């Protein structure tokens, strides 16, 4: 649980106040607001297709901001190389690489085949549970989610209450369109993830990510042919959390 977790009614009111205060502000303002007004926060980054935007914003605002990167040990080799290159280029000073415990992997997925039985269980073991442990002690965390990415994110606000934890989730890029992402990367000469050019607009673990065809939803290559849109880090009790309310 976050340090000195406040009552949920108070937390909801605080989040409502933050959304009202920053409603018409830029992504950079929202990010800086999160660092100054949301307590002890970290940026959670997949170092995926669009991650460099927020990583750059954080580096400009404060390179000492904690950055949490979950290595599921099933990522593309290109992602691991990209993570190292971007971290060095941006001068990130507080990067934490998060993994599941070795004994957990040995007990629950010794042959790396858990995903074939249950992708949800695999995501929980390798990503959700390790991240939840890493976030213990933080008051909030910053995500790169955007409204255009999927229907479950269509009503995304800048600030949310993460039910069940007492943390605040911050989505500075919530209102951005794909062209905003491209423009920011071009204006700041930020390198793209190498898999983007190969048809991967959304990048997760290698076994569960496939190229996307022209005209498909950008996240269509994630868990293709499964009724699944999220890895689990944006779910509580199996349900999507949006604007502080269960859907």
Protein backbone atom coordinates (compact mmCIF):
# COMPACT_ATOMS: atom_id res chain seq x y z
CA UNK A 1 0.00 0.00 0.00
CA UNK A 2 1.18 3.58 -0.61
CA UNK A 3 2.74 5.40 2.30
CA UNK A 4 0.20 7.05 4.59
CA UNK A 5 -2.68 6.06 2.30
CA UNK A 6 -5.51 8.56 2.65
CA UNK A 7 -9.23 7.66 2.92
CA UNK A 8 -10.70 6.80 -0.47
CA UNK A 9 -13.33 9.55 -0.32
CA UNK A 10 -10.58 12.10 0.20
CA UNK A 11 -8.48 10.51 -2.54
CA UNK A 12 -11.37 10.67 -5.01
CA UNK A 13 -11.93 14.32 -4.19
CA UNK A 14 -8.23 15.04 -4.64
CA UNK A 15 -8.21 13.32 -8.03
CA UNK A 16 -11.33 15.22 -9.10
CA UNK A 17 -9.57 18.42 -8.08
CA UNK A 18 -6.45 17.51 -10.06
CA UNK A 19 -8.51 16.75 -13.17
CA UNK A 20 -10.34 20.06 -12.83
CA UNK A 21 -7.08 21.96 -12.31
CA UNK A 22 -5.27 20.44 -15.28
CA UNK A 23 -8.24 19.86 -17.60
CA UNK A 24 -7.05 22.30 -20.26
CA UNK A 25 -3.32 21.89 -19.70
CA UNK A 26 -0.68 20.24 -21.86
CA UNK A 27 0.76 16.79 -21.32
CA UNK A 28 3.95 18.37 -20.03
CA UNK A 29 1.98 20.40 -17.47
CA UNK A 30 0.12 17.28 -16.35
CA UNK A 31 3.39 15.40 -15.95
CA UNK A 32 4.98 18.19 -13.93
CA UNK A 33 1.80 18.43 -11.90
CA UNK A 34 2.01 14.74 -11.13
CA UNK A 35 5.59 15.09 -9.94
CA UNK A 36 4.71 18.04 -7.71
CA UNK A 37 1.12 17.35 -6.60
CA UNK A 38 0.59 13.57 -6.59
CA UNK A 39 3.12 12.60 -3.93
CA UNK A 40 5.89 10.06 -4.47
CA UNK A 41 5.34 8.83 -8.04
CA UNK A 42 7.15 6.70 -10.60
CA UNK A 43 6.93 6.36 -14.35
CA UNK A 44 6.11 2.80 -15.42
CA UNK A 45 7.46 2.25 -18.93
CA UNK A 46 7.43 -0.74 -21.27
CA UNK A 47 10.05 0.92 -23.52
CA UNK A 48 7.63 0.02 -26.30
CA UNK A 49 6.53 1.69 -29.50
CA UNK A 50 5.60 5.10 -28.03
CA UNK A 51 7.28 4.98 -24.63
CA UNK A 52 10.10 7.31 -25.58
CA UNK A 53 7.73 10.30 -25.52
CA UNK A 54 7.04 10.11 -21.79
CA UNK A 55 10.58 9.01 -21.04
CA UNK A 56 11.83 12.15 -22.78
CA UNK A 57 9.33 14.34 -20.90
CA UNK A 58 10.44 12.86 -17.60
CA UNK A 59 14.11 13.32 -18.49
CA UNK A 60 13.46 17.00 -19.23
CA UNK A 61 11.42 17.52 -16.06
CA UNK A 62 13.59 15.53 -13.64
CA UNK A 63 16.04 12.77 -14.63
CA UNK A 64 15.94 11.45 -11.06
CA UNK A 65 12.27 10.44 -11.37
CA UNK A 66 11.97 6.70 -10.68
CA UNK A 67 11.38 4.72 -13.90
CA UNK A 68 10.12 1.15 -13.49
CA UNK A 69 10.69 -1.26 -16.38
CA UNK A 70 9.16 -4.73 -16.07
CA UNK A 71 11.30 -7.34 -17.78
CA UNK A 72 8.98 -10.31 -18.18
CA UNK A 73 11.88 -12.37 -19.52
CA UNK A 74 9.78 -12.92 -22.63
CA UNK A 75 10.38 -9.57 -24.29
CA UNK A 76 11.77 -9.07 -27.77
CA UNK A 77 15.56 -8.76 -27.86
CA UNK A 78 14.99 -5.48 -29.69
CA UNK A 79 13.09 -4.12 -26.67
CA UNK A 80 15.93 -4.93 -24.28
CA UNK A 81 18.49 -3.25 -26.54
CA UNK A 82 16.18 -0.24 -27.04
CA UNK A 83 15.71 0.08 -23.28
CA UNK A 84 19.45 0.33 -22.73
CA UNK A 85 19.98 2.77 -25.58
CA UNK A 86 17.15 5.11 -24.56
CA UNK A 87 18.12 5.06 -20.88
CA UNK A 88 21.68 6.07 -21.74
CA UNK A 89 20.65 8.65 -24.33
CA UNK A 90 18.18 10.39 -21.99
CA UNK A 91 20.43 10.12 -18.96
CA UNK A 92 17.81 8.43 -16.78
CA UNK A 93 19.29 8.33 -13.28
CA UNK A 94 16.77 6.21 -11.40
CA UNK A 95 15.88 3.20 -13.55
CA UNK A 96 14.62 0.06 -11.83
CA UNK A 97 14.38 -3.22 -13.76
CA UNK A 98 11.60 -5.32 -12.28
CA UNK A 99 11.32 -9.10 -12.67
CA UNK A 100 9.40 -11.96 -11.11
CA UNK A 101 11.31 -13.81 -8.40
CA UNK A 102 13.31 -16.81 -9.62
CA UNK A 103 11.52 -19.16 -7.23
CA UNK A 104 8.13 -17.96 -8.50
CA UNK A 105 9.12 -18.71 -12.09
CA UNK A 106 10.52 -22.11 -11.10
CA UNK A 107 7.34 -22.97 -9.22
CA UNK A 108 4.67 -21.62 -11.57
CA UNK A 109 6.23 -21.56 -15.05
CA UNK A 110 9.44 -23.61 -15.14
CA UNK A 111 9.22 -24.36 -18.87
CA UNK A 112 7.87 -20.98 -20.02
CA UNK A 113 4.64 -22.59 -21.20
CA UNK A 114 2.15 -21.05 -18.76
CA UNK A 115 1.00 -18.66 -21.48
CA UNK A 116 -0.27 -21.61 -23.53
CA UNK A 117 -2.70 -22.50 -20.74
CA UNK A 118 -3.56 -18.99 -19.57
CA UNK A 119 -2.18 -15.70 -20.86
CA UNK A 120 -3.82 -13.97 -17.88
CA UNK A 121 -1.91 -16.17 -15.42
CA UNK A 122 1.32 -15.60 -17.33
CA UNK A 123 0.82 -11.81 -17.33
CA UNK A 124 0.05 -11.86 -13.61
CA UNK A 125 3.14 -13.91 -12.78
CA UNK A 126 5.61 -12.06 -14.96
CA UNK A 127 4.25 -8.51 -15.01
CA UNK A 128 1.34 -7.59 -12.76
CA UNK A 129 2.53 -9.13 -9.48
CA UNK A 130 6.16 -7.91 -9.79
CA UNK A 131 4.98 -4.41 -10.68
CA UNK A 132 2.55 -4.28 -7.76
CA UNK A 133 5.39 -5.19 -5.42
CA UNK A 134 7.64 -2.56 -6.99
CA UNK A 135 4.95 0.11 -6.60
CA UNK A 136 4.56 -0.55 -2.90
CA UNK A 137 5.46 2.68 -1.12
CA UNK A 138 4.57 4.93 -4.06
CA UNK A 139 1.61 7.29 -3.95
CA UNK A 140 1.05 7.10 -7.68
CA UNK A 141 2.42 6.10 -11.05
CA UNK A 142 2.57 7.59 -14.53
CA UNK A 143 1.39 5.61 -17.56
CA UNK A 144 1.51 6.17 -21.30
CA UNK A 145 -2.09 5.17 -21.95
CA UNK A 146 -4.10 7.12 -24.49
CA UNK A 147 -7.79 7.26 -25.37
CA UNK A 148 -7.27 6.24 -28.99
CA UNK A 149 -5.58 2.95 -28.14
CA UNK A 150 -8.70 0.89 -27.47
CA UNK A 151 -12.36 1.13 -26.55
CA UNK A 152 -11.60 0.40 -22.91
CA UNK A 153 -9.51 3.57 -22.77
CA UNK A 154 -11.95 5.87 -24.58
CA UNK A 155 -12.93 7.85 -21.47
CA UNK A 156 -9.48 8.03 -19.91
CA UNK A 157 -8.81 11.03 -17.64
CA UNK A 158 -5.47 12.60 -16.74
CA UNK A 159 -5.74 11.44 -13.13
CA UNK A 160 -7.44 8.30 -11.80
CA UNK A 161 -7.87 6.54 -8.50
CA UNK A 162 -6.45 3.04 -8.64
CA UNK A 163 -9.10 1.16 -6.69
CA UNK A 164 -7.83 -1.28 -4.13
CA UNK A 165 -4.40 0.32 -3.70
CA UNK A 166 -4.97 3.96 -2.76
CA UNK A 167 -2.60 5.07 -5.51
CA UNK A 168 -3.16 7.69 -8.18
CA UNK A 169 -2.61 6.79 -11.83
CA UNK A 170 -1.53 9.62 -14.09
CA UNK A 171 -2.07 9.56 -17.86
CA UNK A 172 -0.44 12.72 -19.28
CA UNK A 173 -0.96 11.61 -22.89
CA UNK A 174 -4.62 10.59 -22.43
CA UNK A 175 -5.93 13.10 -24.99
CA UNK A 176 -3.16 12.72 -27.56
CA UNK A 177 -3.85 11.43 -31.07
CA UNK A 178 -1.39 9.28 -33.07
CA UNK A 179 -0.23 12.37 -34.98
CA UNK A 180 0.65 14.10 -31.70
CA UNK A 181 2.93 11.20 -30.79
CA UNK A 182 4.62 11.25 -34.20
CA UNK A 183 5.05 15.02 -34.12
CA UNK A 184 6.65 14.99 -30.66
CA UNK A 185 9.08 12.25 -31.63
CA UNK A 186 10.04 14.04 -34.83
CA UNK A 187 10.42 17.46 -33.21
CA UNK A 188 12.66 16.04 -30.51
CA UNK A 189 14.49 13.63 -32.84
CA UNK A 190 13.67 10.64 -30.70
CA UNK A 191 14.56 7.18 -32.00
CA UNK A 192 11.75 4.74 -32.68
CA UNK A 193 11.59 1.23 -31.38
CA UNK A 194 13.10 -0.88 -34.21
CA UNK A 195 10.02 -3.14 -34.41
CA UNK A 196 7.70 -0.27 -35.33
CA UNK A 197 9.09 -0.28 -38.87
CA UNK A 198 8.30 -4.00 -39.06
CA UNK A 199 4.58 -3.54 -38.40
CA UNK A 200 4.42 -3.54 -34.60
CA UNK A 201 2.63 -0.34 -33.42
CA UNK A 202 2.09 -1.88 -29.97
CA UNK A 203 4.79 -4.09 -28.47
CA UNK A 204 4.59 -6.49 -25.56
CA UNK A 205 6.05 -9.94 -24.96
CA UNK A 206 7.37 -11.71 -28.05
CA UNK A 207 5.12 -14.82 -27.85
CA UNK A 208 1.95 -12.73 -27.54
CA UNK A 209 2.66 -9.88 -29.99
CA UNK A 210 2.22 -10.07 -33.75
CA UNK A 211 2.46 -7.55 -36.60
CA UNK A 212 -0.59 -5.42 -37.37
CA UNK A 213 -2.05 -5.19 -40.86
CA UNK A 214 -2.94 -1.82 -42.46
CA UNK A 215 -6.32 -0.64 -41.19
CA UNK A 216 -6.27 -2.78 -38.06
CA UNK A 217 -6.51 -1.37 -34.55
CA UNK A 218 -2.98 -0.52 -33.32
CA UNK A 219 -3.37 -3.05 -30.50
CA UNK A 220 -4.77 -5.82 -32.69
CA UNK A 221 -1.45 -7.62 -32.54
CA UNK A 222 -1.59 -7.97 -28.77
CA UNK A 223 -3.01 -11.35 -27.70
CA UNK A 224 -4.44 -11.84 -31.19
CA UNK A 225 -7.57 -13.99 -31.36
CA UNK A 226 -8.12 -13.69 -27.61
CA UNK A 227 -10.77 -11.69 -25.76
CA UNK A 228 -8.03 -9.73 -24.01
CA UNK A 229 -6.97 -6.10 -24.36
CA UNK A 230 -4.88 -5.48 -21.25
CA UNK A 231 -2.03 -7.35 -19.57
CA UNK A 232 -3.56 -6.84 -16.14
CA UNK A 233 -1.66 -3.88 -14.71
CA UNK A 234 -4.66 -1.67 -15.56
CA UNK A 235 -7.23 -4.06 -14.09
CA UNK A 236 -8.52 -4.53 -10.56
CA UNK A 237 -10.19 -7.85 -9.74
CA UNK A 238 -10.30 -8.62 -13.44
CA UNK A 239 -12.22 -5.46 -14.33
CA UNK A 240 -11.14 -2.37 -16.21
CA UNK A 241 -10.67 0.70 -14.04
CA UNK A 242 -11.54 3.97 -15.70
CA UNK A 243 -11.77 7.43 -14.15
CA UNK A 244 -11.68 5.93 -10.69
CA UNK A 245 -14.77 3.76 -11.20
CA UNK A 246 -15.28 0.11 -11.99
CA UNK A 247 -16.76 -0.63 -15.41
